[in-house]
Amino acid sequence: MGRRAGRALLRRSSAKGPRLTNHTHLERSQPTEKSTLQVSGKCPVCRLGGDKIALREGDYIGRLCGCGITYIDPQPPVGSIDPQVDHHHRVYYEAPAAARVAWVKRFKQKGLLLDIGCGDGEFTRAAIGAGFEVEGIEPNPDRVATVKKRSAIPVEQGLIEESSLPAGRYDASFHVDLLSHFPDPVAALRAIAEKMRDDGVICFEVGLFSNLPLRWRRLAGRANMPTHLWFFDAPSIEHLLDAAGLKLVAMRRYKVGVSTAVSAALVAMRRERAVAATRAGLPMARGRASGVYYRFHMWLRYGLGRWLPIGGPQTAFVAAVRRLPAS
């Protein structure tokens, strides 16, 4: 899950052939054959559909709700999601791990932390090194075994929505790039909140790609529907948290327009390879030099991107707490 628990689906191409994908967003693309039934899309917060069309891609459209969330229509078939597949390069998780842990430590200096979708344990190891006790949840059995072996921590194999972990156990939680893939992000956030202590903090990273101007949508390339089910902007994150019974504590936004432009230029230069990577669901940059390239890319996102003016596509660190009833 998490990070690596992306809800992976078969990408559908338009009649004109495959459109190139910005390779930084290539992820989670393994189909499963359980259902062919699709239902009309609706906003996960407002629970209404039929909004204006903001995106088109293959057999899917993205509709922009008044709350700021873009949702795909129709919804993909039930059971067609494989939560074990992730095609992000390892550097996507490894390079920013310290910054992600530092974000959690702004709100909790120590305690028991739940790593949701712990993957191969990059964030886990950074959190342990920063003084946290860590437990994980991850649907991929191979990655569960890897984290147990490398970090010697308890890891539940499964999804957070179906977890049997005790309620009220954790001081903090973290997940990366999951909100756009949860079948129901409100229900998933509620499930996470249930695992937190009353004073626990829910931290995560989420891309902000809704409500983009046309020039940025063109530069960013494919939206990767139905791999991505939802797209958010900053105000809609607060609406989403509120619907889940949570309160926004803080948000730090990183501007990823420069890294997006670099990706778009690479795709343009290596069109043939980009098409092949898109079809295979793989990052375009591979081989010995890929680690160097992706580390540079992460610096553009989290180093330079922290100080650029607001505008265009962004990624955000978010912290929230349970909204407790007044006594």
Foldseek 3Di string as FASTA:
>chain_A
DFLQQFFAAAFAAAPVGHWFALLQPQWRHDWDPDDQDWAFDDDLQVRDDDADFDADGHPWTWHADPQQKTFITTAGTPPGTGRRIIFHDVCVCQLCLLVLLVVQCVQPQEWEEEEEQCFQNNNVVNNVVSHYHYEYEHQHPVSQVNCCVPPVHHYHHDHLLPDPAAFQHTQEYEGEAPCQRPPRNLSSVLSVQRNHHQNHKYKYKHKAATPAPPVLDVLNIDPRPPSGGMHGHVSSVQSSQVSSQKHWDDKQKFALSVLSNVSSVVCVVPVVLSSVCNNVSHRSDDDDCSSVVVSVSVCSGPPVRRPDDDHHMIMMMTMIGGNDDDD
